[in-house]
Amino acid sequence: MASTSPEPVAAAETDGSILIRRLEIADRERGFLSLLAQLSSCPDLTASEFAACFADLAALGDDHVILVAEDLSAAPDRRILSTGCLFVERKFLRGGGKVGHVEDVVVDAAARGRGLGLRVVRRLVEIAKEAGCYKVILDCTPELRAYYAKCGFVEKGVQMAVYF
């Protein structure tokens, strides 16, 4: 899922001043939680609460991948400008197949229009393919259908939910 240090070069993608990489524990201080708060309710976790959540998710290994787009040009205060998550669901269907679920995709309001979300989503799809997933799915609002179509997704089915 995540790492306490930067990923090897093969696992990260850099383009100029933006680095697409796995979440690191230090990203709490780089604005990760405030970025998620632009998507949905995300209370500010203390450092110890963040570390505990990070450890729980890291224990899931490659079945839970959180990527971030980090702005390297803002050193030393490098900020997280975009994030997205891939959860790999293991199934009995298709001979023990796997399905990738893309979740929690958000781009900082000040950084939208630069293709950061597209890059994060495309990398998550690549990771799902490399993991042997037979499909990748996500839920989105009707307003975001065209955006995710640019990422290669097609509309299929109807989402239903129960919230608690």
Protein backbone atom coordinates (compact mmCIF):
# COMPACT_ATOMS: atom_id res chain seq x y z
CA MET A 1 0.00 0.00 0.00
CA ALA A 2 2.32 2.61 1.25
CA SER A 3 5.91 3.09 2.21
CA THR A 4 7.90 4.83 4.86
CA SER A 5 10.50 5.77 2.25
CA PRO A 6 10.39 6.66 -1.44
CA GLU A 7 9.56 3.84 -3.82
CA PRO A 8 12.20 2.46 -6.17
CA VAL A 9 12.43 4.30 -9.49
CA ALA A 10 10.49 1.52 -11.26
CA ALA A 11 7.49 2.12 -9.01
CA ALA A 12 7.48 5.90 -9.32
CA GLU A 13 6.86 8.12 -12.32
CA THR A 14 8.29 11.59 -12.58
CA ASP A 15 7.55 14.26 -15.14
CA GLY A 16 9.31 17.53 -14.58
CA SER A 17 8.32 18.82 -11.18
CA ILE A 18 5.59 16.23 -10.47
CA LEU A 19 6.34 12.82 -8.98
CA ILE A 20 3.66 10.10 -9.02
CA ARG A 21 4.50 7.67 -6.21
CA ARG A 22 3.05 5.65 -3.37
CA LEU A 23 1.86 7.34 -0.22
CA GLU A 24 4.50 7.87 2.46
CA ILE A 25 3.91 8.45 6.14
CA ALA A 26 5.49 11.92 5.78
CA ASP A 27 2.67 12.91 3.39
CA ARG A 28 0.49 13.85 6.34
CA GLU A 29 2.69 16.93 6.63
CA ARG A 30 2.52 17.53 2.87
CA GLY A 31 -1.22 18.19 2.88
CA PHE A 32 -2.55 14.70 2.15
CA LEU A 33 -5.49 14.92 4.58
CA SER A 34 -6.49 18.44 3.54
CA LEU A 35 -6.45 17.25 -0.07
CA LEU A 36 -8.79 14.34 0.80
CA ALA A 37 -11.04 16.83 2.59
CA GLN A 38 -11.69 18.44 -0.82
CA LEU A 39 -13.35 15.14 -1.81
CA SER A 40 -15.27 14.12 1.29
CA SER A 41 -15.32 14.36 5.06
CA CYS A 42 -11.77 13.84 6.29
CA PRO A 43 -11.01 14.98 9.81
CA ASP A 44 -7.45 16.02 10.58
CA LEU A 45 -5.83 12.99 12.21
CA THR A 46 -3.09 13.40 14.79
CA ALA A 47 0.32 12.09 13.80
CA SER A 48 -0.24 8.93 15.85
CA GLU A 49 -3.74 8.37 14.40
CA PHE A 50 -2.36 8.83 10.89
CA ALA A 51 0.51 6.41 11.62
CA ALA A 52 -1.93 3.78 12.92
CA CYS A 53 -4.18 4.09 9.86
CA PHE A 54 -1.12 4.04 7.60
CA ALA A 55 0.11 0.83 9.28
CA ASP A 56 -3.31 -0.84 8.93
CA LEU A 57 -3.44 -0.03 5.21
CA ALA A 58 0.21 -0.96 4.66
CA ALA A 59 -0.53 -4.39 6.14
CA LEU A 60 -2.79 -5.03 3.12
CA GLY A 61 0.30 -4.93 0.90
CA ASP A 62 -0.22 -4.56 -2.83
CA ASP A 63 -3.97 -5.16 -2.44
CA HIS A 64 -4.31 -1.52 -1.32
CA VAL A 65 -2.27 1.05 -3.24
CA ILE A 66 -2.49 4.78 -2.59
CA LEU A 67 -0.72 6.97 -5.11
CA VAL A 68 0.03 10.66 -4.77
CA ALA A 69 1.21 13.34 -7.16
CA GLU A 70 3.83 15.37 -5.34
CA ASP A 71 4.91 18.84 -6.42
CA LEU A 72 8.71 18.73 -6.28
CA SER A 73 9.06 22.38 -7.32
CA ALA A 74 7.73 23.58 -3.98
CA ALA A 75 10.77 22.29 -2.04
CA PRO A 76 11.31 22.16 0.84
CA ASP A 77 7.53 22.23 1.41
CA ARG A 78 6.63 19.71 -1.28
CA ARG A 79 2.84 19.43 -1.46
CA ILE A 80 0.58 16.58 -2.48
CA LEU A 81 -1.53 17.84 -5.40
CA SER A 82 -3.47 14.70 -6.30
CA THR A 83 -4.20 11.23 -4.97
CA GLY A 84 -6.06 8.06 -5.83
CA CYS A 85 -6.43 4.60 -4.38
CA LEU A 86 -6.62 1.09 -5.83
CA PHE A 87 -8.13 -1.72 -3.80
CA VAL A 88 -7.75 -5.23 -5.23
CA GLU A 89 -10.68 -7.52 -4.48
CA ARG A 90 -10.04 -11.25 -4.71
CA LYS A 91 -12.95 -13.33 -5.99
CA PHE A 92 -14.08 -16.90 -6.55
CA LEU A 93 -15.44 -15.83 -9.92
CA ARG A 94 -13.24 -16.26 -12.97
CA GLY A 95 -11.14 -18.92 -11.27
CA GLY A 96 -10.07 -16.78 -8.34
CA GLY A 97 -9.90 -13.59 -10.38
CA LYS A 98 -9.20 -10.10 -9.11
CA VAL A 99 -11.09 -6.84 -9.56
CA GLY A 100 -9.48 -3.45 -9.07
CA HIS A 101 -11.54 -0.73 -7.40
CA VAL A 102 -10.39 2.86 -7.94
CA GLU A 103 -11.40 5.12 -5.07
CA ASP A 104 -10.70 8.50 -3.50
CA VAL A 105 -9.43 10.30 -6.61
CA VAL A 106 -9.00 14.01 -6.02
CA VAL A 107 -6.90 16.84 -7.43
CA ASP A 108 -6.25 19.99 -5.42
CA ALA A 109 -8.59 22.74 -6.61
CA ALA A 110 -5.63 25.00 -7.42
CA ALA A 111 -3.95 22.29 -9.55
CA ARG A 112 -6.90 21.11 -11.65
CA GLY A 113 -6.63 21.13 -15.42
CA ARG A 114 -3.00 19.96 -15.46
CA GLY A 115 -3.74 16.27 -16.09
CA LEU A 116 -2.63 15.13 -12.63
CA GLY A 117 -5.76 13.11 -11.88
CA LEU A 118 -5.57 11.49 -15.30
CA ARG A 119 -1.96 10.45 -14.64
CA VAL A 120 -2.79 9.05 -11.20
CA VAL A 121 -5.82 7.11 -12.49
CA ARG A 122 -3.93 5.72 -15.49
CA ARG A 123 -1.10 4.56 -13.22
CA LEU A 124 -3.61 2.89 -10.87
CA VAL A 125 -5.12 1.06 -13.86
CA GLU A 126 -1.63 -0.07 -14.93
CA ILE A 127 -0.96 -1.38 -11.41
CA ALA A 128 -4.28 -3.27 -11.47
CA LYS A 129 -3.38 -4.83 -14.81
CA GLU A 130 0.07 -5.80 -13.54
CA ALA A 131 -1.61 -7.38 -10.48
CA GLY A 132 -3.71 -9.59 -12.75
CA CYS A 133 -7.07 -7.85 -12.34
CA TYR A 134 -9.57 -8.76 -15.07
CA LYS A 135 -11.31 -5.39 -14.72
CA VAL A 136 -11.07 -2.07 -12.92
CA ILE A 137 -14.20 -0.29 -11.72
CA LEU A 138 -15.03 2.98 -10.01
CA ASP A 139 -18.02 5.01 -8.93
CA CYS A 140 -18.43 8.65 -9.85
CA THR A 141 -21.00 11.38 -10.06
CA PRO A 142 -22.76 11.96 -13.40
CA GLU A 143 -20.78 15.18 -13.82
CA LEU A 144 -17.52 13.19 -13.90
CA ARG A 145 -18.54 10.62 -16.54
CA ALA A 146 -16.72 12.42 -19.37
CA TYR A 147 -13.60 12.82 -17.23
CA TYR A 148 -13.39 9.11 -16.47
CA ALA A 149 -14.16 8.28 -20.10
CA LYS A 150 -10.92 10.16 -20.92
CA CYS A 151 -9.22 7.78 -18.48
CA GLY A 152 -10.52 4.80 -20.48
CA PHE A 153 -13.59 3.88 -18.42
CA VAL A 154 -17.00 3.12 -19.93
CA GLU A 155 -20.31 3.44 -18.16
CA LYS A 156 -21.71 0.09 -17.06
CA GLY A 157 -24.50 -0.73 -14.65
CA VAL A 158 -25.96 1.26 -11.80
CA GLN A 159 -24.37 1.98 -8.46
CA MET A 160 -26.41 1.47 -5.32
CA ALA A 161 -25.25 2.21 -1.77
CA VAL A 162 -26.17 2.00 1.90
CA TYR A 163 -24.45 4.60 4.07
CA PHE A 164 -24.02 4.42 7.84
